[in-house]
């Protein structure tokens, strides 16, 4: 297959969505397919709409995959006649994120028009599929839909794992409870909620914050200043982006993953933490409850509930037997998840089905 992939910026961008795109593209290439990345420049949402004045779909593909993040740039291009199927790879609807009501009304209208312009979908979760169907007028509870789609959840196996014995041993390591925040430092990921919760925790802890400090620089600076004001500089450490062995080492050393995100279309970081036996504390928003079972392999809080978050951190810090039980359950949850290769093969089989239907 000769496949086009439309993205913003670089495929090496550090986020869950781009990780999915990279893993999928690499797998397709390994199977002998040709992948051509079409990169549009990162700009503001309104500026992306101006791409419709000039961008048109190339003509030389068997099939085109568009990262749904690019939706404001592709309305006019998709409306033009094209000789191949156009599929949208949906990680997370932009209109599902928290913003002013009037802004989301506009975004929903643009996103709805885009979603109706494609020939099929690749979804990263059932939650994302339901969100798309609800926005476009489909029935989320229906077993069939008027456009073909596949649900291929991300894997969590790229960084490795630990044995159950290693997980149990780590929970008994004396000293502060080692917390890990693995996400870009943005309001959406709830960094401020976590810092407010830690202000209330009386047990000893250490927090490592791993994620970009440049996606929202003013907010990241505000969070770093907040740590200083709260007198927590000896307990909270900002590392910026880590990947590969450096990230794997932090996952091996940590004991609890905490990301109080306001919305996730899936939440790859939670799953990668679970691969290392890290019970996860997340929120009830989006697809997070599909990974976290409250009180079994982690905890769920309502978005923004720093008080409840502090209680859960306190409980895990003071009860290491409970921490061990949740840690082993978290790793068991990871083991039930498809690998990256299995998920990518699910997508590839779907792509072949789409092409067969066109014959």
Protein backbone atom coordinates (compact mmCIF):
# COMPACT_ATOMS: atom_id res chain seq x y z
CA UNK A 1 0.00 0.00 0.00
CA UNK A 2 1.07 3.55 -0.69
CA UNK A 3 -0.31 5.54 2.26
CA UNK A 4 -0.27 9.24 2.99
CA UNK A 5 -0.27 10.50 6.59
CA UNK A 6 -1.29 14.11 7.27
CA UNK A 7 0.04 15.66 10.50
CA UNK A 8 1.00 19.02 11.94
CA UNK A 9 4.71 19.60 12.43
CA UNK A 10 7.05 16.68 13.08
CA UNK A 11 6.21 13.03 13.60
CA UNK A 12 8.78 13.12 16.44
CA UNK A 13 6.63 15.49 18.52
CA UNK A 14 6.36 14.18 22.09
CA UNK A 15 2.73 13.41 22.87
CA UNK A 16 0.55 10.35 23.06
CA UNK A 17 -1.12 11.07 19.73
CA UNK A 18 2.16 11.49 17.88
CA UNK A 19 3.54 8.36 19.56
CA UNK A 20 0.56 6.45 18.15
CA UNK A 21 1.17 7.93 14.69
CA UNK A 22 4.88 6.99 14.85
CA UNK A 23 4.20 3.45 15.99
CA UNK A 24 1.60 2.91 13.28
CA UNK A 25 3.79 4.38 10.52
CA UNK A 26 6.79 2.31 11.61
CA UNK A 27 4.76 -0.90 11.66
CA UNK A 28 3.27 -0.28 8.23
CA UNK A 29 6.74 0.33 6.81
CA UNK A 30 8.01 -2.88 8.44
CA UNK A 31 5.24 -4.75 6.61
CA UNK A 32 6.41 -3.37 3.26
CA UNK A 33 3.98 -0.48 2.88
CA UNK A 34 5.15 2.96 1.75
CA UNK A 35 4.33 5.84 4.10
CA UNK A 36 4.55 9.45 2.94
CA UNK A 37 4.19 12.04 5.71
CA UNK A 38 2.47 15.29 4.71
CA UNK A 39 3.35 17.91 7.29
CA UNK A 40 1.38 21.13 7.69
CA UNK A 41 2.86 23.93 9.84
CA UNK A 42 1.81 24.39 13.46
CA UNK A 43 -0.10 27.64 13.96
CA UNK A 44 -3.14 28.92 15.83
CA UNK A 45 -6.56 27.34 15.31
CA UNK A 46 -7.84 30.29 13.29
CA UNK A 47 -4.67 30.34 11.18
CA UNK A 48 -5.12 26.65 10.46
CA UNK A 49 -8.49 27.48 8.92
CA UNK A 50 -6.69 29.58 6.31
CA UNK A 51 -4.97 26.40 5.06
CA UNK A 52 -8.27 25.70 3.31
CA UNK A 53 -7.46 28.49 0.85
CA UNK A 54 -4.47 26.62 -0.60
CA UNK A 55 -3.98 23.05 0.64
CA UNK A 56 -5.33 20.24 -1.57
CA UNK A 57 -4.96 16.48 -1.26
CA UNK A 58 -2.16 14.88 -3.34
CA UNK A 59 -3.22 12.46 -6.07
CA UNK A 60 -0.75 9.57 -5.78
CA UNK A 61 -1.95 7.44 -2.84
CA UNK A 62 -3.86 4.22 -2.40
CA UNK A 63 -5.23 5.61 0.83
CA UNK A 64 -4.83 8.71 3.00
CA UNK A 65 -4.84 8.86 6.82
CA UNK A 66 -5.43 12.27 8.40
CA UNK A 67 -4.61 12.84 12.06
CA UNK A 68 -7.85 14.40 13.30
CA UNK A 69 -5.79 17.08 15.06
CA UNK A 70 -5.45 18.61 11.57
CA UNK A 71 -9.20 18.96 11.10
CA UNK A 72 -9.39 22.78 10.74
CA UNK A 73 -6.93 22.67 7.82
CA UNK A 74 -8.67 19.97 5.78
CA UNK A 75 -12.28 21.04 5.21
CA UNK A 76 -11.83 22.31 1.65
CA UNK A 77 -9.30 19.65 0.67
CA UNK A 78 -11.61 16.80 1.69
CA UNK A 79 -14.53 18.38 -0.13
CA UNK A 80 -12.67 18.11 -3.45
CA UNK A 81 -12.97 14.89 -5.51
CA UNK A 82 -10.31 12.33 -4.59
CA UNK A 83 -9.63 8.90 -6.07
CA UNK A 84 -8.74 7.11 -2.82
CA UNK A 85 -10.34 6.63 0.62
CA UNK A 86 -9.64 9.30 3.24
CA UNK A 87 -9.63 8.08 6.83
CA UNK A 88 -9.44 10.13 10.02
CA UNK A 89 -7.22 8.86 12.84
CA UNK A 90 -8.96 10.22 15.94
CA UNK A 91 -7.07 10.40 19.23
CA UNK A 92 -9.17 13.01 20.96
CA UNK A 93 -11.79 15.49 19.78
CA UNK A 94 -10.65 19.08 20.12
CA UNK A 95 -14.18 20.01 21.19
CA UNK A 96 -13.97 17.55 24.11
CA UNK A 97 -11.37 19.72 25.81
CA UNK A 98 -12.20 22.35 28.38
CA UNK A 99 -12.54 25.92 27.06
CA UNK A 100 -15.04 28.76 26.97
CA UNK A 101 -18.52 27.68 25.83
CA UNK A 102 -18.61 30.09 22.88
CA UNK A 103 -15.25 28.80 21.67
CA UNK A 104 -16.36 25.19 21.85
CA UNK A 105 -19.55 25.99 19.97
CA UNK A 106 -17.41 27.20 17.08
CA UNK A 107 -14.94 24.31 17.35
CA UNK A 108 -17.75 21.75 17.39
CA UNK A 109 -19.19 23.19 14.17
CA UNK A 110 -15.81 23.02 12.41
CA UNK A 111 -15.01 19.58 13.77
CA UNK A 112 -18.45 18.20 12.86
CA UNK A 113 -18.06 19.37 9.27
CA UNK A 114 -14.61 17.78 9.06
CA UNK A 115 -15.72 14.44 10.52
CA UNK A 116 -18.55 14.23 8.02
CA UNK A 117 -16.08 14.78 5.15
CA UNK A 118 -14.04 11.58 5.60
CA UNK A 119 -14.72 8.02 4.42
CA UNK A 120 -13.95 6.16 7.63
CA UNK A 121 -12.24 6.26 11.02
CA UNK A 122 -9.45 4.80 13.12
CA UNK A 123 -10.28 5.28 16.81
CA UNK A 124 -7.94 4.87 19.76
CA UNK A 125 -10.76 3.98 22.19
CA UNK A 126 -14.45 3.28 22.51
CA UNK A 127 -14.80 6.65 24.26
CA UNK A 128 -13.41 8.45 21.21
CA UNK A 129 -15.70 6.53 18.87
CA UNK A 130 -18.73 7.44 20.97
CA UNK A 131 -17.70 11.10 21.07
CA UNK A 132 -17.40 11.23 17.28
CA UNK A 133 -20.72 9.51 16.74
CA UNK A 134 -22.46 11.84 19.17
CA UNK A 135 -20.99 14.94 17.52
CA UNK A 136 -21.85 13.85 13.99
CA UNK A 137 -25.37 12.68 14.79
CA UNK A 138 -24.70 8.95 14.98
CA UNK A 139 -25.95 6.71 17.77
CA UNK A 140 -23.09 5.83 20.19
CA UNK A 141 -25.00 2.71 21.28
CA UNK A 142 -25.52 1.36 17.78
CA UNK A 143 -23.61 -1.77 16.79
CA UNK A 144 -23.23 -0.47 13.25
CA UNK A 145 -22.62 2.97 11.78
CA UNK A 146 -22.89 4.51 8.35
CA UNK A 147 -19.10 4.80 7.96
CA UNK A 148 -16.53 2.03 8.45
CA UNK A 149 -14.29 2.27 11.49
CA UNK A 150 -11.89 0.30 13.62
CA UNK A 151 -10.98 0.69 17.31
CA UNK A 152 -7.28 0.00 17.85
CA UNK A 153 -6.17 0.92 21.36
CA UNK A 154 -2.55 1.95 21.99
CA UNK A 155 0.01 -0.41 23.45
CA UNK A 156 2.05 0.20 26.57
CA UNK A 157 4.97 -2.12 25.88
CA UNK A 158 7.52 0.16 24.20
CA UNK A 159 9.60 0.88 27.33
CA UNK A 160 9.62 -2.58 28.88
CA UNK A 161 8.13 -3.96 32.08
CA UNK A 162 9.05 -5.41 35.49
CA UNK A 163 8.50 -8.82 37.02
CA UNK A 164 5.85 -9.11 39.78
CA UNK A 165 8.69 -9.77 42.23
CA UNK A 166 10.39 -6.52 41.26
CA UNK A 167 7.11 -4.63 41.60
CA UNK A 168 6.46 -6.04 45.09
CA UNK A 169 10.00 -5.30 46.22
CA UNK A 170 9.77 -1.68 45.09
CA UNK A 171 6.65 -1.01 47.14
CA UNK A 172 8.61 -1.88 50.29
CA UNK A 173 11.49 0.51 49.65
CA UNK A 174 11.62 2.85 52.68
CA UNK A 175 11.54 6.58 52.36
CA UNK A 176 9.21 9.03 50.63
CA UNK A 177 6.41 7.82 48.37
CA UNK A 178 7.78 8.29 44.87
CA UNK A 179 5.17 9.92 42.62
CA UNK A 180 5.44 10.38 38.87
CA UNK A 181 3.58 12.91 36.70
CA UNK A 182 4.06 11.86 33.06
CA UNK A 183 2.44 14.41 30.77
CA UNK A 184 3.09 17.80 29.22
CA UNK A 185 2.79 20.56 31.80
CA UNK A 186 -0.48 22.14 30.67
CA UNK A 187 -3.78 23.03 32.35
CA UNK A 188 -5.50 20.15 30.55
CA UNK A 189 -3.27 17.62 32.32
CA UNK A 190 -4.08 19.07 35.75
CA UNK A 191 -0.59 19.90 37.00
CA UNK A 192 -2.03 22.62 39.21
CA UNK A 193 -4.50 20.16 40.73
CA UNK A 194 -1.65 17.83 41.70
CA UNK A 195 0.42 20.63 43.23
CA UNK A 196 -2.56 21.82 45.25
CA UNK A 197 -3.13 18.26 46.50
CA UNK A 198 0.50 17.84 47.53
CA UNK A 199 0.24 21.00 49.60
CA UNK A 200 -2.25 19.04 51.75
CA UNK A 201 -0.26 15.81 52.05
CA UNK A 202 1.49 15.35 55.41
CA UNK A 203 3.37 12.11 54.60
CA UNK A 204 6.78 12.28 52.96
CA UNK A 205 6.81 12.16 49.16
CA UNK A 206 8.87 12.96 46.09
CA UNK A 207 7.32 14.01 42.77
CA UNK A 208 9.08 13.81 39.42
CA UNK A 209 7.37 15.85 36.68
CA UNK A 210 8.26 14.51 33.23
CA UNK A 211 6.81 16.31 30.23
CA UNK A 212 7.26 19.33 28.01
CA UNK A 213 7.65 22.72 29.66
CA UNK A 214 7.31 24.53 26.32
CA UNK A 215 3.79 23.58 25.14
CA UNK A 216 2.39 26.27 27.46
CA UNK A 217 5.45 28.19 28.79
CA UNK A 218 3.56 30.73 30.98
CA UNK A 219 1.65 27.93 32.71
CA UNK A 220 4.81 25.84 33.17
CA UNK A 221 6.61 28.81 34.75
CA UNK A 222 3.61 29.40 36.99
CA UNK A 223 3.73 25.78 38.20
CA UNK A 224 7.46 25.96 38.89
CA UNK A 225 6.97 29.19 40.84
CA UNK A 226 4.10 27.57 42.74
CA UNK A 227 6.46 24.85 43.95
CA UNK A 228 8.82 27.50 45.29
CA UNK A 229 6.03 29.45 47.02
CA UNK A 230 4.70 26.26 48.65
CA UNK A 231 8.20 25.45 49.94
CA UNK A 232 8.35 22.15 48.06
CA UNK A 233 11.53 22.59 46.01
CA UNK A 234 13.17 19.70 47.87
CA UNK A 235 10.28 17.37 47.00
CA UNK A 236 9.15 18.29 43.46
CA UNK A 237 11.44 18.14 40.43
CA UNK A 238 10.73 19.24 36.84
CA UNK A 239 12.74 17.23 34.29
CA UNK A 240 11.22 18.33 31.00
CA UNK A 241 10.89 15.68 28.29
CA UNK A 242 12.50 12.29 28.88
CA UNK A 243 12.21 9.24 26.66
CA UNK A 244 13.84 5.90 26.05
CA UNK A 245 16.04 4.50 28.83
CA UNK A 246 15.94 7.73 30.86
CA UNK A 247 12.15 7.53 31.03
CA UNK A 248 12.19 3.78 31.66
CA UNK A 249 14.52 4.34 34.61
CA UNK A 250 12.11 6.84 36.16
CA UNK A 251 9.26 4.36 35.68
CA UNK A 252 11.31 1.66 37.42
CA UNK A 253 12.08 3.96 40.36
CA UNK A 254 8.60 5.43 40.86
CA UNK A 255 5.79 3.91 42.93
CA UNK A 256 2.63 5.78 41.84
CA UNK A 257 1.62 7.52 38.62
CA UNK A 258 -0.53 10.64 39.10
CA UNK A 259 -2.05 12.55 36.18
CA UNK A 260 -5.27 14.38 37.21
CA UNK A 261 -6.13 15.18 33.58
CA UNK A 262 -9.33 17.02 32.67
CA UNK A 263 -9.81 14.79 29.61
CA UNK A 264 -8.11 11.90 27.81
CA UNK A 265 -9.15 10.20 24.59
CA UNK A 266 -7.19 7.20 25.85
CA UNK A 267 -4.26 7.93 28.19
CA UNK A 268 -1.12 6.11 27.00
CA UNK A 269 0.92 7.34 29.98
CA UNK A 270 -1.34 5.51 32.43
CA UNK A 271 -0.81 2.26 30.53
CA UNK A 272 2.96 2.73 30.26
CA UNK A 273 3.06 3.29 34.00
CA UNK A 274 1.05 0.13 34.59
CA UNK A 275 3.61 -1.83 32.56
CA UNK A 276 6.00 -1.05 35.41
CA UNK A 277 3.43 -1.83 38.08
CA UNK A 278 2.52 1.77 38.89
CA UNK A 279 -1.01 2.18 40.22
CA UNK A 280 -2.49 5.21 38.50
CA UNK A 281 -4.48 8.10 39.91
CA UNK A 282 -6.53 9.78 37.20
CA UNK A 283 -9.95 11.33 36.76
CA UNK A 284 -13.38 10.20 35.64
CA UNK A 285 -13.04 12.25 32.42
CA UNK A 286 -12.94 10.69 28.97
CA UNK A 287 -11.47 7.22 28.52
CA UNK A 288 -9.45 7.12 31.76
CA UNK A 289 -11.94 4.84 33.58
CA UNK A 290 -11.39 2.25 30.84
CA UNK A 291 -7.88 1.78 32.27
CA UNK A 292 -8.27 2.60 35.96
CA UNK A 293 -10.62 0.61 38.20
CA UNK A 294 -11.14 2.68 41.34
CA UNK A 295 -9.60 1.02 44.39
CA UNK A 296 -8.31 -1.95 42.36
CA UNK A 297 -5.38 -0.77 40.22
CA UNK A 298 -5.49 2.92 41.13
CA UNK A 299 -7.95 5.66 41.95
CA UNK A 300 -10.34 7.93 40.09
CA UNK A 301 -11.23 11.45 41.20
CA UNK A 302 -13.56 14.04 39.75
CA UNK A 303 -11.60 16.52 37.59
CA UNK A 304 -10.17 19.26 39.79
CA UNK A 305 -10.77 17.47 43.13
CA UNK A 306 -7.42 18.15 44.80
CA UNK A 307 -8.78 17.25 48.25
CA UNK A 308 -9.69 13.69 47.29
CA UNK A 309 -6.42 13.36 45.38
CA UNK A 310 -4.51 14.31 48.53
CA UNK A 311 -6.41 11.65 50.51
CA UNK A 312 -5.49 8.91 48.05
CA UNK A 313 -1.82 9.91 48.00
CA UNK A 314 -1.81 9.97 51.80
CA UNK A 315 -3.39 6.52 51.94
CA UNK A 316 -0.81 4.97 49.60
CA UNK A 317 2.06 6.61 51.48
CA UNK A 318 0.91 5.19 54.83
CA UNK A 319 -0.24 1.72 53.71
CA UNK A 320 2.46 -0.07 51.72
CA UNK A 321 0.55 -3.38 51.71
CA UNK A 322 -2.32 -1.64 49.94
CA UNK A 323 0.21 -0.03 47.58
CA UNK A 324 1.61 -3.48 46.77
CA UNK A 325 -1.84 -4.89 46.03
CA UNK A 326 -2.70 -2.02 43.69
CA UNK A 327 0.71 -2.20 42.03
CA UNK A 328 0.36 -5.87 41.11
CA UNK A 329 -3.19 -5.26 39.87
CA UNK A 330 -1.94 -2.37 37.71
CA UNK A 331 0.62 -4.61 36.04
CA UNK A 332 -2.05 -7.26 35.49
CA UNK A 333 -4.21 -4.62 33.75
CA UNK A 334 -1.31 -3.78 31.45
CA UNK A 335 -0.91 -7.45 30.51
CA UNK A 336 -4.51 -7.58 29.27
CA UNK A 337 -3.86 -4.77 26.78
CA UNK A 338 -2.82 -5.40 23.15
CA UNK A 339 0.78 -4.64 22.23
CA UNK A 340 1.66 -1.86 19.81
CA UNK A 341 2.29 -4.43 17.09
CA UNK A 342 -1.07 -6.10 17.65
CA UNK A 343 -2.92 -2.80 17.51
CA UNK A 344 -1.05 -1.70 14.38
CA UNK A 345 -1.91 -5.00 12.70
CA UNK A 346 -5.57 -4.39 13.54
CA UNK A 347 -5.33 -1.05 11.72
CA UNK A 348 -3.48 -2.56 8.76
CA UNK A 349 -6.12 -5.27 8.31
CA UNK A 350 -8.78 -2.56 8.38
CA UNK A 351 -6.93 -0.58 5.69
CA UNK A 352 -6.90 -3.62 3.41
CA UNK A 353 -10.62 -4.12 4.00
CA UNK A 354 -11.26 -0.51 2.98
CA UNK A 355 -9.28 -0.97 -0.22
CA UNK A 356 -11.07 -4.23 -1.03
CA UNK A 357 -14.42 -2.48 -0.70
CA UNK A 358 -13.34 0.10 -3.29
CA UNK A 359 -12.63 -2.49 -5.95
